[in-house]
Amino acid sequence: MEKIQSLTSENGVVIFTKSTCCLCYAVTILFQELRVNPVVYEVDQDPEGREMEKALPKKAVPAVFIGGKLVGSTNEVMSLHLSGSLIPLLKPYQSLS
């Protein structure tokens, strides 16, 4: 879907979420604690949200994109973080403060 492509190519870190999803919230908070301010797009707040969710590569939220590439959902993000591989991916997008 063009909207997904546009958001992920124009922003360094994008998380597609639902406002009622606790795992989406946890991933978003993790990124904020790592000093990254992702674009958080709540698909359930968009009239085209169902189509957008179906168009996501894994058809699930949270869907995390870093540098325009799909990283995955909660399991992939947490695995990267625990292995020490997430922070290097996020380094270009971390704020200084």
PDB file of N, CA and C in Angstrom:
ATOM      1  N   MET A   1       0.846  -1.177   0.000  1.00  0.00           N
ATOM      2  CA  MET A   1       0.000   0.000   0.000  1.00  0.00           C
ATOM      3  C   MET A   1       0.890   1.238   0.000  1.00  0.00           C
ATOM      4  N   GLU A   2       0.493   2.211  -0.770  1.00  0.00           N
ATOM      5  CA  GLU A   2       1.310   3.414  -0.963  1.00  0.00           C
ATOM      6  C   GLU A   2       1.559   4.181   0.332  1.00  0.00           C
ATOM      7  N   LYS A   3       0.579   4.232   1.220  1.00  0.00           N
ATOM      8  CA  LYS A   3       0.720   4.970   2.477  1.00  0.00           C
ATOM      9  C   LYS A   3       1.818   4.343   3.354  1.00  0.00           C
ATOM     10  N   ILE A   4       1.869   3.029   3.397  1.00  0.00           N
ATOM     11  CA  ILE A   4       2.905   2.337   4.171  1.00  0.00           C
ATOM     12  C   ILE A   4       4.270   2.635   3.583  1.00  0.00           C
ATOM     13  N   GLN A   5       4.391   2.526   2.276  1.00  0.00           N
ATOM     14  CA  GLN A   5       5.652   2.791   1.589  1.00  0.00           C
ATOM     15  C   GLN A   5       6.116   4.221   1.840  1.00  0.00           C
ATOM     16  N   SER A   6       5.190   5.149   1.769  1.00  0.00           N
ATOM     17  CA  SER A   6       5.515   6.556   1.972  1.00  0.00           C
ATOM     18  C   SER A   6       6.002   6.815   3.400  1.00  0.00           C
ATOM     19  N   LEU A   7       5.262   6.321   4.391  1.00  0.00           N
ATOM     20  CA  LEU A   7       5.646   6.532   5.795  1.00  0.00           C
ATOM     21  C   LEU A   7       6.999   5.916   6.114  1.00  0.00           C
ATOM     22  N   THR A   8       7.235   4.695   5.627  1.00  0.00           N
ATOM     23  CA  THR A   8       8.483   4.009   5.976  1.00  0.00           C
ATOM     24  C   THR A   8       9.686   4.546   5.225  1.00  0.00           C
ATOM     25  N   SER A   9       9.474   5.115   4.057  1.00  0.00           N
ATOM     26  CA  SER A   9      10.615   5.655   3.311  1.00  0.00           C
ATOM     27  C   SER A   9      10.953   7.081   3.736  1.00  0.00           C
ATOM     28  N   GLU A  10       9.989   7.803   4.283  1.00  0.00           N
ATOM     29  CA  GLU A  10      10.205   9.197   4.668  1.00  0.00           C
ATOM     30  C   GLU A  10      10.622   9.381   6.121  1.00  0.00           C
ATOM     31  N   ASN A  11      10.544   8.312   6.923  1.00  0.00           N
ATOM     32  CA  ASN A  11      10.847   8.407   8.354  1.00  0.00           C
ATOM     33  C   ASN A  11      11.807   7.289   8.742  1.00  0.00           C
ATOM     34  N   GLY A  12      12.733   7.600   9.634  1.00  0.00           N
ATOM     35  CA  GLY A  12      13.750   6.629  10.019  1.00  0.00           C
ATOM     36  C   GLY A  12      13.207   5.416  10.742  1.00  0.00           C
ATOM     37  N   VAL A  13      12.314   5.656  11.703  1.00  0.00           N
ATOM     38  CA  VAL A  13      11.747   4.565  12.501  1.00  0.00           C
ATOM     39  C   VAL A  13      10.233   4.748  12.531  1.00  0.00           C
ATOM     40  N   VAL A  14       9.526   3.716  12.085  1.00  0.00           N
ATOM     41  CA  VAL A  14       8.063   3.747  12.051  1.00  0.00           C
ATOM     42  C   VAL A  14       7.545   2.484  12.717  1.00  0.00           C
ATOM     43  N   ILE A  15       6.559   2.670  13.592  1.00  0.00           N
ATOM     44  CA  ILE A  15       5.901   1.532  14.235  1.00  0.00           C
ATOM     45  C   ILE A  15       4.412   1.626  13.918  1.00  0.00           C
ATOM     46  N   PHE A  16       3.896   0.615  13.244  1.00  0.00           N
ATOM     47  CA  PHE A  16       2.468   0.521  12.991  1.00  0.00           C
ATOM     48  C   PHE A  16       1.857  -0.221  14.170  1.00  0.00           C
ATOM     49  N   THR A  17       0.858   0.392  14.810  1.00  0.00           N
ATOM     50  CA  THR A  17       0.287  -0.144  16.037  1.00  0.00           C
ATOM     51  C   THR A  17      -1.233  -0.087  15.990  1.00  0.00           C
ATOM     52  N   LYS A  18      -1.823  -0.585  17.070  1.00  0.00           N
ATOM     53  CA  LYS A  18      -3.238  -0.361  17.364  1.00  0.00           C
ATOM     54  C   LYS A  18      -3.291   0.267  18.751  1.00  0.00           C
ATOM     55  N   SER A  19      -4.227   1.159  18.946  1.00  0.00           N
ATOM     56  CA  SER A  19      -4.294   1.895  20.208  1.00  0.00           C
ATOM     57  C   SER A  19      -4.602   0.995  21.403  1.00  0.00           C
ATOM     58  N   THR A  20      -5.163  -0.177  21.179  1.00  0.00           N
ATOM     59  CA  THR A  20      -5.523  -1.086  22.265  1.00  0.00           C
ATOM     60  C   THR A  20      -4.529  -2.224  22.459  1.00  0.00           C
ATOM     61  N   CYS A  21      -3.417  -2.193  21.765  1.00  0.00           N
ATOM     62  CA  CYS A  21      -2.449  -3.301  21.785  1.00  0.00           C
ATOM     63  C   CYS A  21      -1.355  -3.044  22.827  1.00  0.00           C
ATOM     64  N   CYS A  22      -1.306  -3.904  23.855  1.00  0.00           N
ATOM     65  CA  CYS A  22      -0.312  -3.700  24.909  1.00  0.00           C
ATOM     66  C   CYS A  22       1.107  -3.995  24.421  1.00  0.00           C
ATOM     67  N   LEU A  23       1.286  -4.931  23.499  1.00  0.00           N
ATOM     68  CA  LEU A  23       2.620  -5.212  22.959  1.00  0.00           C
ATOM     69  C   LEU A  23       3.115  -4.047  22.096  1.00  0.00           C
ATOM     70  N   CYS A  24       2.205  -3.426  21.383  1.00  0.00           N
ATOM     71  CA  CYS A  24       2.558  -2.229  20.598  1.00  0.00           C
ATOM     72  C   CYS A  24       3.065  -1.134  21.526  1.00  0.00           C
ATOM     73  N   TYR A  25       2.364  -0.956  22.644  1.00  0.00           N
ATOM     74  CA  TYR A  25       2.755   0.047  23.628  1.00  0.00           C
ATOM     75  C   TYR A  25       4.140  -0.272  24.186  1.00  0.00           C
ATOM     76  N   ALA A  26       4.384  -1.532  24.512  1.00  0.00           N
ATOM     77  CA  ALA A  26       5.673  -1.935  25.087  1.00  0.00           C
ATOM     78  C   ALA A  26       6.816  -1.666  24.116  1.00  0.00           C
ATOM     79  N   VAL A  27       6.621  -1.968  22.837  1.00  0.00           N
ATOM     80  CA  VAL A  27       7.666  -1.729  21.836  1.00  0.00           C
ATOM     81  C   VAL A  27       7.906  -0.229  21.677  1.00  0.00           C
ATOM     82  N   THR A  28       6.838   0.548  21.656  1.00  0.00           N
ATOM     83  CA  THR A  28       6.970   2.003  21.529  1.00  0.00           C
ATOM     84  C   THR A  28       7.745   2.579  22.708  1.00  0.00           C
ATOM     85  N   ILE A  29       7.423   2.143  23.924  1.00  0.00           N
ATOM     86  CA  ILE A  29       8.122   2.620  25.123  1.00  0.00           C
ATOM     87  C   ILE A  29       9.595   2.206  25.089  1.00  0.00           C
ATOM     88  N   LEU A  30       9.881   0.992  24.643  1.00  0.00           N
ATOM     89  CA  LEU A  30      11.277   0.546  24.522  1.00  0.00           C
ATOM     90  C   LEU A  30      12.060   1.501  23.635  1.00  0.00           C
ATOM     91  N   PHE A  31      11.518   1.858  22.490  1.00  0.00           N
ATOM     92  CA  PHE A  31      12.215   2.755  21.567  1.00  0.00           C
ATOM     93  C   PHE A  31      12.415   4.123  22.202  1.00  0.00           C
ATOM     94  N   GLN A  32      11.402   4.619  22.911  1.00  0.00           N
ATOM     95  CA  GLN A  32      11.539   5.914  23.569  1.00  0.00           C
ATOM     96  C   GLN A  32      12.610   5.867  24.658  1.00  0.00           C
ATOM     97  N   GLU A  33      12.683   4.765  25.391  1.00  0.00           N
ATOM     98  CA  GLU A  33      13.719   4.629  26.413  1.00  0.00           C
ATOM     99  C   GLU A  33      15.115   4.521  25.802  1.00  0.00           C
ATOM    100  N   LEU A  34      15.175   4.075  24.554  1.00  0.00           N
ATOM    101  CA  LEU A  34      16.453   4.009  23.839  1.00  0.00           C
ATOM    102  C   LEU A  34      16.745   5.318  23.106  1.00  0.00           C
ATOM    103  N   ARG A  35      16.004   6.376  23.463  1.00  0.00           N
ATOM    104  CA  ARG A  35      16.171   7.728  22.921  1.00  0.00           C
ATOM    105  C   ARG A  35      15.864   7.819  21.422  1.00  0.00           C
ATOM    106  N   VAL A  36      14.874   7.058  20.998  1.00  0.00           N
ATOM    107  CA  VAL A  36      14.412   7.120  19.612  1.00  0.00           C
ATOM    108  C   VAL A  36      12.949   7.552  19.649  1.00  0.00           C
ATOM    109  N   ASN A  37      12.610   8.530  18.837  1.00  0.00           N
ATOM    110  CA  ASN A  37      11.225   8.990  18.747  1.00  0.00           C
ATOM    111  C   ASN A  37      10.627   8.492  17.436  1.00  0.00           C
ATOM    112  N   PRO A  38      10.069   7.293  17.464  1.00  0.00           N
ATOM    113  CA  PRO A  38       9.529   6.732  16.221  1.00  0.00           C
ATOM    114  C   PRO A  38       8.240   7.426  15.808  1.00  0.00           C
ATOM    115  N   VAL A  39       7.937   7.347  14.531  1.00  0.00           N
ATOM    116  CA  VAL A  39       6.611   7.719  14.065  1.00  0.00           C
ATOM    117  C   VAL A  39       5.721   6.536  14.420  1.00  0.00           C
ATOM    118  N   VAL A  40       4.721   6.774  15.240  1.00  0.00           N
ATOM    119  CA  VAL A  40       3.794   5.723  15.657  1.00  0.00           C
ATOM    120  C   VAL A  40       2.493   5.953  14.909  1.00  0.00           C
ATOM    121  N   TYR A  41       2.145   4.987  14.079  1.00  0.00           N
ATOM    122  CA  TYR A  41       0.943   5.105  13.257  1.00  0.00           C
ATOM    123  C   TYR A  41      -0.067   4.072  13.725  1.00  0.00           C
ATOM    124  N   GLU A  42      -1.153   4.549  14.325  1.00  0.00           N
ATOM    125  CA  GLU A  42      -2.183   3.660  14.843  1.00  0.00           C
ATOM    126  C   GLU A  42      -3.176   3.336  13.734  1.00  0.00           C
ATOM    127  N   VAL A  43      -3.098   2.112  13.228  1.00  0.00           N
ATOM    128  CA  VAL A  43      -3.933   1.729  12.087  1.00  0.00           C
ATOM    129  C   VAL A  43      -5.418   1.708  12.433  1.00  0.00           C
ATOM    130  N   ASP A  44      -5.755   1.496  13.712  1.00  0.00           N
ATOM    131  CA  ASP A  44      -7.167   1.472  14.074  1.00  0.00           C
ATOM    132  C   ASP A  44      -7.778   2.875  14.158  1.00  0.00           C
ATOM    133  N   GLN A  45      -6.964   3.902  13.995  1.00  0.00           N
ATOM    134  CA  GLN A  45      -7.455   5.272  13.989  1.00  0.00           C
ATOM    135  C   GLN A  45      -7.587   5.824  12.569  1.00  0.00           C
ATOM    136  N   ASP A  46      -7.311   5.006  11.583  1.00  0.00           N
ATOM    137  CA  ASP A  46      -7.357   5.403  10.172  1.00  0.00           C
ATOM    138  C   ASP A  46      -8.529   4.696   9.499  1.00  0.00           C
ATOM    139  N   PRO A  47      -9.336   5.417   8.729  1.00  0.00           N
ATOM    140  CA  PRO A  47     -10.442   4.767   8.025  1.00  0.00           C
ATOM    141  C   PRO A  47      -9.977   3.631   7.092  1.00  0.00           C
ATOM    142  N   GLU A  48      -8.747   3.722   6.621  1.00  0.00           N
ATOM    143  CA  GLU A  48      -8.186   2.674   5.749  1.00  0.00           C
ATOM    144  C   GLU A  48      -7.333   1.681   6.540  1.00  0.00           C
ATOM    145  N   GLY A  49      -7.469   1.708   7.862  1.00  0.00           N
ATOM    146  CA  GLY A  49      -6.609   0.914   8.726  1.00  0.00           C
ATOM    147  C   GLY A  49      -6.633  -0.580   8.470  1.00  0.00           C
ATOM    148  N   ARG A  50      -7.809  -1.137   8.220  1.00  0.00           N
ATOM    149  CA  ARG A  50      -7.881  -2.589   7.966  1.00  0.00           C
ATOM    150  C   ARG A  50      -7.101  -2.971   6.722  1.00  0.00           C
ATOM    151  N   GLU A  51      -7.243  -2.167   5.681  1.00  0.00           N
ATOM    152  CA  GLU A  51      -6.501  -2.430   4.447  1.00  0.00           C
ATOM    153  C   GLU A  51      -5.005  -2.271   4.676  1.00  0.00           C
ATOM    154  N   MET A  52      -4.646  -1.256   5.484  1.00  0.00           N
ATOM    155  CA  MET A  52      -3.229  -1.045   5.783  1.00  0.00           C
ATOM    156  C   MET A  52      -2.664  -2.240   6.541  1.00  0.00           C
ATOM    157  N   GLU A  53      -3.399  -2.712   7.538  1.00  0.00           N
ATOM    158  CA  GLU A  53      -2.906  -3.845   8.321  1.00  0.00           C
ATOM    159  C   GLU A  53      -2.735  -5.083   7.440  1.00  0.00           C
ATOM    160  N   LYS A  54      -3.673  -5.302   6.534  1.00  0.00           N
ATOM    161  CA  LYS A  54      -3.564  -6.443   5.612  1.00  0.00           C
ATOM    162  C   LYS A  54      -2.376  -6.286   4.665  1.00  0.00           C
ATOM    163  N   ALA A  55      -2.011  -5.034   4.370  1.00  0.00           N
ATOM    164  CA  ALA A  55      -0.911  -4.771   3.448  1.00  0.00           C
ATOM    165  C   ALA A  55       0.457  -4.858   4.115  1.00  0.00           C
ATOM    166  N   LEU A  56       0.482  -4.872   5.452  1.00  0.00           N
ATOM    167  CA  LEU A  56       1.766  -5.009   6.151  1.00  0.00           C
ATOM    168  C   LEU A  56       2.343  -6.383   5.846  1.00  0.00           C
ATOM    169  N   PRO A  57       3.654  -6.476   5.702  1.00  0.00           N
ATOM    170  CA  PRO A  57       4.267  -7.741   5.299  1.00  0.00           C
ATOM    171  C   PRO A  57       3.874  -8.955   6.144  1.00  0.00           C
ATOM    172  N   LYS A  58       3.735  -8.785   7.451  1.00  0.00           N
ATOM    173  CA  LYS A  58       3.355  -9.925   8.293  1.00  0.00           C
ATOM    174  C   LYS A  58       1.900  -9.851   8.738  1.00  0.00           C
ATOM    175  N   LYS A  59       1.184  -8.837   8.248  1.00  0.00           N
ATOM    176  CA  LYS A  59      -0.225  -8.649   8.560  1.00  0.00           C
ATOM    177  C   LYS A  59      -0.516  -8.620  10.057  1.00  0.00           C
ATOM    178  N   ALA A  60       0.420  -8.083  10.832  1.00  0.00           N
ATOM    179  CA  ALA A  60       0.255  -8.010  12.278  1.00  0.00           C
ATOM    180  C   ALA A  60       0.901  -6.742  12.817  1.00  0.00           C
ATOM    181  N   VAL A  61       0.416  -6.301  13.966  1.00  0.00           N
ATOM    182  CA  VAL A  61       1.018  -5.173  14.660  1.00  0.00           C
ATOM    183  C   VAL A  61       1.531  -5.650  16.008  1.00  0.00           C
ATOM    184  N   PRO A  62       2.561  -5.043  16.548  1.00  0.00           N
ATOM    185  CA  PRO A  62       3.283  -3.934  15.945  1.00  0.00           C
ATOM    186  C   PRO A  62       4.130  -4.399  14.763  1.00  0.00           C
ATOM    187  N   ALA A  63       4.230  -3.538  13.792  1.00  0.00           N
ATOM    188  CA  ALA A  63       5.120  -3.768  12.656  1.00  0.00           C
ATOM    189  C   ALA A  63       6.158  -2.653  12.696  1.00  0.00           C
ATOM    190  N   VAL A  64       7.405  -3.027  12.909  1.00  0.00           N
ATOM    191  CA  VAL A  64       8.482  -2.059  13.118  1.00  0.00           C
ATOM    192  C   VAL A  64       9.357  -1.983  11.873  1.00  0.00           C
ATOM    193  N   PHE A  65       9.533  -0.763  11.391  1.00  0.00           N
ATOM    194  CA  PHE A  65      10.410  -0.492  10.253  1.00  0.00           C
ATOM    195  C   PHE A  65      11.527   0.422  10.728  1.00  0.00           C
ATOM    196  N   ILE A  66      12.749   0.077  10.387  1.00  0.00           N
ATOM    197  CA  ILE A  66      13.907   0.911  10.694  1.00  0.00           C
ATOM    198  C   ILE A  66      14.655   1.133   9.379  1.00  0.00           C
ATOM    199  N   GLY A  67      14.871   2.400   9.047  1.00  0.00           N
ATOM    200  CA  GLY A  67      15.561   2.715   7.799  1.00  0.00           C
ATOM    201  C   GLY A  67      14.835   2.197   6.574  1.00  0.00           C
ATOM    202  N   GLY A  68      13.511   2.168   6.634  1.00  0.00           N
ATOM    203  CA  GLY A  68      12.713   1.731   5.492  1.00  0.00           C
ATOM    204  C   GLY A  68      12.581   0.226   5.353  1.00  0.00           C
ATOM    205  N   LYS A  69      13.208  -0.532   6.246  1.00  0.00           N
ATOM    206  CA  LYS A  69      13.162  -1.995   6.153  1.00  0.00           C
ATOM    207  C   LYS A  69      12.371  -2.576   7.318  1.00  0.00           C
ATOM    208  N   LEU A  70      11.579  -3.602   7.017  1.00  0.00           N
ATOM    209  CA  LEU A  70      10.816  -4.263   8.065  1.00  0.00           C
ATOM    210  C   LEU A  70      11.758  -5.021   8.988  1.00  0.00           C
ATOM    211  N   VAL A  71      11.685  -4.717  10.276  1.00  0.00           N
ATOM    212  CA  VAL A  71      12.445  -5.450  11.284  1.00  0.00           C
ATOM    213  C   VAL A  71      11.595  -6.602  11.795  1.00  0.00           C
ATOM    214  N   GLY A  72      10.307  -6.346  11.967  1.00  0.00           N
ATOM    215  CA  GLY A  72       9.405  -7.390  12.416  1.00  0.00           C
ATOM    216  C   GLY A  72       8.456  -6.880  13.477  1.00  0.00           C
ATOM    217  N   SER A  73       7.981  -7.820  14.278  1.00  0.00           N
ATOM    218  CA  SER A  73       7.033  -7.518  15.330  1.00  0.00           C
ATOM    219  C   SER A  73       7.727  -7.602  16.686  1.00  0.00           C
ATOM    220  N   THR A  74       6.960  -7.786  17.727  1.00  0.00           N
ATOM    221  CA  THR A  74       7.497  -7.775  19.087  1.00  0.00           C
ATOM    222  C   THR A  74       8.617  -8.797  19.280  1.00  0.00           C
ATOM    223  N   ASN A  75       8.405 -10.024  18.848  1.00  0.00           N
ATOM    224  CA  ASN A  75       9.416 -11.073  19.049  1.00  0.00           C
ATOM    225  C   ASN A  75      10.748 -10.712  18.404  1.00  0.00           C
ATOM    226  N   GLU A  76      10.709 -10.235  17.182  1.00  0.00           N
ATOM    227  CA  GLU A  76      11.946  -9.890  16.479  1.00  0.00           C
ATOM    228  C   GLU A  76      12.646  -8.703  17.141  1.00  0.00           C
ATOM    229  N   VAL A  77      11.867  -7.696  17.526  1.00  0.00           N
ATOM    230  CA  VAL A  77      12.451  -6.510  18.158  1.00  0.00           C
ATOM    231  C   VAL A  77      13.096  -6.883  19.491  1.00  0.00           C
ATOM    232  N   MET A  78      12.387  -7.650  20.306  1.00  0.00           N
ATOM    233  CA  MET A  78      12.931  -8.029  21.611  1.00  0.00           C
ATOM    234  C   MET A  78      14.148  -8.941  21.466  1.00  0.00           C
ATOM    235  N   SER A  79      14.125  -9.842  20.501  1.00  0.00           N
ATOM    236  CA  SER A  79      15.285 -10.709  20.253  1.00  0.00           C
ATOM    237  C   SER A  79      16.500  -9.883  19.853  1.00  0.00           C
ATOM    238  N   LEU A  80      16.294  -8.904  18.976  1.00  0.00           N
ATOM    239  CA  LEU A  80      17.393  -8.022  18.577  1.00  0.00           C
ATOM    240  C   LEU A  80      17.920  -7.243  19.776  1.00  0.00           C
ATOM    241  N   HIS A  81      17.006  -6.769  20.611  1.00  0.00           N
ATOM    242  CA  HIS A  81      17.423  -5.983  21.773  1.00  0.00           C
ATOM    243  C   HIS A  81      18.221  -6.846  22.755  1.00  0.00           C
ATOM    244  N   LEU A  82      17.742  -8.034  23.046  1.00  0.00           N
ATOM    245  CA  LEU A  82      18.430  -8.909  23.999  1.00  0.00           C
ATOM    246  C   LEU A  82      19.785  -9.379  23.491  1.00  0.00           C
ATOM    247  N   SER A  83      19.923  -9.489  22.168  1.00  0.00           N
ATOM    248  CA  SER A  83      21.197  -9.922  21.603  1.00  0.00           C
ATOM    249  C   SER A  83      22.176  -8.758  21.411  1.00  0.00           C
ATOM    250  N   GLY A  84      21.704  -7.528  21.672  1.00  0.00           N
ATOM    251  CA  GLY A  84      22.564  -6.357  21.504  1.00  0.00           C
ATOM    252  C   GLY A  84      22.612  -5.829  20.085  1.00  0.00           C
ATOM    253  N   SER A  85      21.736  -6.314  19.237  1.00  0.00           N
ATOM    254  CA  SER A  85      21.751  -5.898  17.826  1.00  0.00           C
ATOM    255  C   SER A  85      20.801  -4.754  17.501  1.00  0.00           C
ATOM    256  N   LEU A  86      19.898  -4.416  18.419  1.00  0.00           N
ATOM    257  CA  LEU A  86      18.919  -3.368  18.125  1.00  0.00           C
ATOM    258  C   LEU A  86      19.531  -1.975  18.193  1.00  0.00           C
ATOM    259  N   ILE A  87      20.316  -1.706  19.211  1.00  0.00           N
ATOM    260  CA  ILE A  87      20.871  -0.357  19.388  1.00  0.00           C
ATOM    261  C   ILE A  87      21.719   0.085  18.189  1.00  0.00           C
ATOM    262  N   PRO A  88      22.583  -0.779  17.626  1.00  0.00           N
ATOM    263  CA  PRO A  88      23.308  -0.338  16.434  1.00  0.00           C
ATOM    264  C   PRO A  88      22.386   0.036  15.266  1.00  0.00           C
ATOM    265  N   LEU A  89      21.261  -0.650  15.127  1.00  0.00           N
ATOM    266  CA  LEU A  89      20.306  -0.295  14.068  1.00  0.00           C
ATOM    267  C   LEU A  89      19.667   1.063  14.326  1.00  0.00           C
ATOM    268  N   LEU A  90      19.476   1.371  15.603  1.00  0.00           N
ATOM    269  CA  LEU A  90      18.808   2.618  15.986  1.00  0.00           C
ATOM    270  C   LEU A  90      19.744   3.807  16.127  1.00  0.00           C
ATOM    271  N   LYS A  91      21.027   3.565  16.190  1.00  0.00           N
ATOM    272  CA  LYS A  91      22.010   4.619  16.458  1.00  0.00           C
ATOM    273  C   LYS A  91      21.806   5.874  15.587  1.00  0.00           C
ATOM    274  N   PRO A  92      21.586   5.739  14.276  1.00  0.00           N
ATOM    275  CA  PRO A  92      21.407   6.959  13.464  1.00  0.00           C
ATOM    276  C   PRO A  92      20.151   7.767  13.811  1.00  0.00           C
ATOM    277  N   TYR A  93      19.231   7.155  14.560  1.00  0.00           N
ATOM    278  CA  TYR A  93      17.951   7.804  14.856  1.00  0.00           C
ATOM    279  C   TYR A  93      17.807   8.213  16.318  1.00  0.00           C
ATOM    280  N   GLN A  94      18.856   7.999  17.112  1.00  0.00           N
ATOM    281  CA  GLN A  94      18.797   8.351  18.528  1.00  0.00           C
ATOM    282  C   GLN A  94      18.996   9.853  18.712  1.00  0.00           C
ATOM    283  N   SER A  95      18.225  10.411  19.644  1.00  0.00           N
ATOM    284  CA  SER A  95      18.408  11.822  19.967  1.00  0.00           C
ATOM    285  C   SER A  95      19.558  11.957  20.957  1.00  0.00           C
ATOM    286  N   LEU A  96      20.130  13.124  21.008  1.00  0.00           N
ATOM    287  CA  LEU A  96      21.301  13.353  21.855  1.00  0.00           C
ATOM    288  C   LEU A  96      20.930  13.558  23.317  1.00  0.00           C
ATOM    289  N   SER A  97      19.708  14.002  23.577  1.00  0.00           N
ATOM    290  CA  SER A  97      19.336  14.286  24.979  1.00  0.00           C
ATOM    291  C   SER A  97      18.697  13.097  25.649  1.00  0.00           C
TER     292      SER A  97
END
